[in-house]
Amino acid sequence: MSFALGFLGPRALPLVAGALGVLLLISGARANDINVTTAMDLGPDGNPVLRLAVPDSPTPAPNVRFVDKAGAEHSLIDFRGKVTAVHFWATWCVPCRAELPQVDALAKALGGPDFEVLPISVDRDGMETVNAFYAAEGIQALPAYLDLGLKAFRAFRLAGVPATIFVDRDGNEIGRVLGERDWAKPEVLDVVRRMIAGG
């Protein structure tokens, strides 16, 4: 599986994507050279917003499993019919800690029948650590899920956190964001709205 990197730049940028198992080299692509899904990531100034890595063909997402606060198991297929943002994070990850309140703002702004944010913690200390962080940071709109044994993390072939994978209503991956972003920015919300409308 290969991915197209949805950002433009004046210089060639090498990206070693260990999570994807490929080396991507992007060199000043023009907007009309990129596919429709990647074009969704362009802001009003023509520059990328989320810097999405986009599959070059429909790619079924793995039906990962994770548990909630009560210990009940869920799977990604449970959320078919809506666009989902599967967000991997951890309380020990400094960028994740700074980013999660913005992920919460994304869920508040756009969550509903057509879109769901699934924050899956890879903390090995258990749900108590996640619950304490939610309480300390005032996280309100996000559910809490835990990836037992890092099985979901590995199924998506990720190399680090934070990472966010967008999955369409049919269960196909339509893009991923590696690293932290400001999810509360109006231009970011606009890109996610376009993904919801197209997914």
Protein backbone atom coordinates (compact mmCIF):
# COMPACT_ATOMS: atom_id res chain seq x y z
CA MET A 1 0.00 0.00 0.00
CA SER A 2 1.39 3.37 -0.94
CA PHE A 3 0.36 6.82 0.22
CA ALA A 4 0.43 10.27 -1.33
CA LEU A 5 1.49 13.00 1.06
CA GLY A 6 -0.98 15.87 0.96
CA PHE A 7 1.27 18.85 1.42
CA LEU A 8 3.12 21.17 -0.90
CA GLY A 9 6.44 22.89 -0.36
CA PRO A 10 9.08 24.93 -2.13
CA ARG A 11 11.72 22.29 -1.50
CA ALA A 12 11.77 18.53 -1.72
CA LEU A 13 10.97 17.08 1.69
CA PRO A 14 12.01 13.54 2.55
CA LEU A 15 9.71 11.78 4.99
CA VAL A 16 10.60 8.44 6.45
CA ALA A 17 7.20 7.04 7.31
CA GLY A 18 8.02 3.98 9.38
CA ALA A 19 4.36 3.51 10.11
CA LEU A 20 3.66 3.20 6.41
CA GLY A 21 6.77 1.25 5.55
CA VAL A 22 7.67 3.56 2.69
CA LEU A 23 9.92 6.50 1.90
CA LEU A 24 8.00 9.41 0.44
CA LEU A 25 9.71 12.22 -1.42
CA ILE A 26 7.55 15.18 -2.31
CA SER A 27 8.87 17.94 -4.53
CA GLY A 28 6.70 21.00 -5.10
CA ALA A 29 3.56 19.39 -6.52
CA ARG A 30 0.94 21.69 -8.02
CA ALA A 31 -2.67 21.62 -6.82
CA ASN A 32 -3.89 20.16 -10.12
CA ASP A 33 -1.42 17.28 -9.79
CA ILE A 34 -2.97 15.86 -6.62
CA ASN A 35 -6.03 13.70 -6.26
CA VAL A 36 -9.45 14.86 -5.09
CA THR A 37 -9.08 13.50 -1.57
CA THR A 38 -5.80 15.35 -1.08
CA ALA A 39 -7.32 18.52 -2.53
CA MET A 40 -9.78 18.50 0.37
CA ASP A 41 -6.81 19.37 2.58
CA LEU A 42 -6.04 22.67 0.85
CA GLY A 43 -6.97 25.86 2.65
CA PRO A 44 -8.25 29.08 1.06
CA ASP A 45 -4.66 30.15 0.37
CA GLY A 46 -3.97 26.94 -1.55
CA ASN A 47 -1.66 25.58 1.14
CA PRO A 48 -2.23 22.31 3.02
CA VAL A 49 -3.95 22.42 6.38
CA LEU A 50 -3.68 18.94 7.93
CA ARG A 51 -0.89 17.56 5.70
CA LEU A 52 -2.85 14.38 5.16
CA ALA A 53 -1.20 11.18 3.97
CA VAL A 54 -3.79 9.76 1.59
CA PRO A 55 -4.09 6.20 0.21
CA ASP A 56 -3.80 6.07 -3.58
CA SER A 57 -6.71 3.61 -3.69
CA PRO A 58 -9.54 2.58 -1.32
CA THR A 59 -7.91 0.85 1.62
CA PRO A 60 -10.04 -1.09 4.13
CA ALA A 61 -9.16 -0.08 7.67
CA PRO A 62 -8.43 -2.95 10.05
CA ASN A 63 -11.36 -3.79 12.30
CA VAL A 64 -9.45 -2.91 15.45
CA ARG A 65 -10.80 -3.59 18.93
CA PHE A 66 -10.53 -1.44 22.05
CA VAL A 67 -12.19 -1.17 25.46
CA ASP A 68 -14.14 1.62 27.15
CA LYS A 69 -14.12 2.88 30.75
CA ALA A 70 -16.32 0.01 31.87
CA GLY A 71 -14.06 -2.58 30.24
CA ALA A 72 -16.58 -3.33 27.47
CA GLU A 73 -15.03 -4.18 24.10
CA HIS A 74 -15.77 -2.19 20.95
CA SER A 75 -14.60 -2.54 17.37
CA LEU A 76 -14.22 -0.09 14.52
CA ILE A 77 -16.99 -1.80 12.60
CA ASP A 78 -19.41 -0.67 15.33
CA PHE A 79 -19.06 2.85 13.93
CA ARG A 80 -19.81 2.06 10.28
CA GLY A 81 -22.15 4.55 8.66
CA LYS A 82 -20.31 7.61 9.91
CA VAL A 83 -16.90 9.12 9.25
CA THR A 84 -14.58 8.41 12.16
CA ALA A 85 -11.32 9.96 13.31
CA VAL A 86 -9.37 7.25 15.13
CA HIS A 87 -6.98 9.20 17.34
CA PHE A 88 -4.10 7.36 19.03
CA TRP A 89 -2.52 9.15 21.98
CA ALA A 90 -0.98 8.62 25.45
CA THR A 91 -0.79 10.54 28.70
CA TRP A 92 3.02 10.17 28.74
CA CYS A 93 3.29 11.83 25.32
CA VAL A 94 3.85 15.59 25.77
CA PRO A 95 2.44 16.62 22.33
CA CYS A 96 -0.56 14.33 22.96
CA ARG A 97 -1.29 16.00 26.29
CA ALA A 98 -1.23 19.43 24.66
CA GLU A 99 -3.31 18.28 21.70
CA LEU A 100 -6.12 16.31 23.35
CA PRO A 101 -8.12 19.38 24.51
CA GLN A 102 -8.14 20.47 20.85
CA VAL A 103 -9.31 16.99 19.82
CA ASP A 104 -12.07 17.45 22.40
CA ALA A 105 -12.97 20.76 20.74
CA LEU A 106 -13.15 18.97 17.36
CA ALA A 107 -15.60 16.45 18.81
CA LYS A 108 -17.69 19.24 20.35
CA ALA A 109 -17.80 21.15 17.08
CA LEU A 110 -18.48 18.34 14.60
CA GLY A 111 -19.44 15.19 16.50
CA GLY A 112 -22.86 13.77 15.72
CA PRO A 113 -24.64 11.26 13.48
CA ASP A 114 -22.17 11.76 10.63
CA PHE A 115 -18.87 12.03 12.51
CA GLU A 116 -17.24 10.51 15.56
CA VAL A 117 -13.85 10.94 17.21
CA LEU A 118 -12.46 7.74 18.71
CA PRO A 119 -9.58 8.62 21.06
CA ILE A 120 -7.70 5.40 21.79
CA SER A 121 -5.04 5.60 24.48
CA VAL A 122 -1.97 3.39 24.27
CA ASP A 123 -1.20 3.90 27.98
CA ARG A 124 -0.01 0.70 29.63
CA ASP A 125 -0.98 1.90 33.11
CA GLY A 126 -4.65 1.33 32.37
CA MET A 127 -7.82 3.37 32.23
CA GLU A 128 -7.26 4.99 35.64
CA THR A 129 -4.45 7.08 34.15
CA VAL A 130 -6.65 8.11 31.23
CA ASN A 131 -9.57 8.99 33.51
CA ALA A 132 -7.32 11.14 35.70
CA PHE A 133 -6.03 13.04 32.68
CA TYR A 134 -9.57 13.63 31.37
CA ALA A 135 -10.62 15.00 34.75
CA ALA A 136 -7.56 17.24 35.11
CA GLU A 137 -7.93 18.71 31.61
CA GLY A 138 -11.72 19.00 31.59
CA ILE A 139 -12.17 16.67 28.61
CA GLN A 140 -15.93 16.53 28.08
CA ALA A 141 -16.93 15.53 24.54
CA LEU A 142 -14.57 12.59 24.08
CA PRO A 143 -15.22 9.03 25.20
CA ALA A 144 -12.26 7.18 26.68
CA TYR A 145 -10.92 4.04 25.00
CA LEU A 146 -7.86 1.92 25.70
CA ASP A 147 -5.78 -0.18 23.31
CA LEU A 148 -4.96 -3.34 25.24
CA GLY A 149 -1.64 -4.81 24.19
CA LEU A 150 -1.20 -2.12 21.51
CA LYS A 151 -3.04 -4.39 19.06
CA ALA A 152 -4.98 -1.57 17.37
CA PHE A 153 -1.87 0.62 17.17
CA ARG A 154 0.05 -2.18 15.47
CA ALA A 155 -2.84 -3.06 13.14
CA PHE A 156 -2.68 0.46 11.71
CA ARG A 157 1.12 0.08 11.33
CA LEU A 158 1.89 3.21 13.30
CA ALA A 159 5.30 4.15 14.62
CA GLY A 160 4.37 6.78 17.19
CA VAL A 161 1.73 9.01 18.75
CA PRO A 162 -0.14 11.20 18.29
CA ALA A 163 -1.63 9.87 15.08
CA THR A 164 -5.11 10.27 13.60
CA ILE A 165 -6.64 8.02 10.96
CA PHE A 166 -9.80 9.07 9.11
CA VAL A 167 -12.12 6.24 8.11
CA ASP A 168 -15.12 6.70 5.82
CA ARG A 169 -18.65 5.36 6.27
CA ASP A 170 -17.78 2.13 4.46
CA GLY A 171 -14.76 1.37 6.62
CA ASN A 172 -12.02 2.58 4.24
CA GLU A 173 -9.09 4.67 5.38
CA ILE A 174 -9.25 8.03 3.59
CA GLY A 175 -6.29 9.78 5.22
CA ARG A 176 -4.01 9.92 8.21
CA VAL A 177 -2.29 12.67 10.16
CA LEU A 178 1.03 11.79 11.78
CA GLY A 179 1.94 14.13 14.62
CA GLU A 180 0.03 16.81 16.46
CA ARG A 181 -2.26 19.42 14.89
CA ASP A 182 -4.40 22.30 16.17
CA TRP A 183 -7.79 20.66 15.67
CA ALA A 184 -9.68 23.71 16.93
CA LYS A 185 -8.56 26.00 14.08
CA PRO A 186 -11.41 27.13 11.78
CA GLU A 187 -9.48 26.03 8.68
CA VAL A 188 -8.93 22.57 10.20
CA LEU A 189 -12.62 22.27 11.00
CA ASP A 190 -13.39 23.20 7.39
CA VAL A 191 -11.15 20.42 6.09
CA VAL A 192 -12.79 17.87 8.39
CA ARG A 193 -16.23 19.06 7.27
CA ARG A 194 -15.19 18.42 3.66
CA MET A 195 -13.99 14.95 4.63
CA ILE A 196 -17.32 14.25 6.32
CA ALA A 197 -19.24 15.45 3.28
CA GLY A 198 -17.11 13.36 0.93
CA GLY A 199 -16.80 10.28 3.13
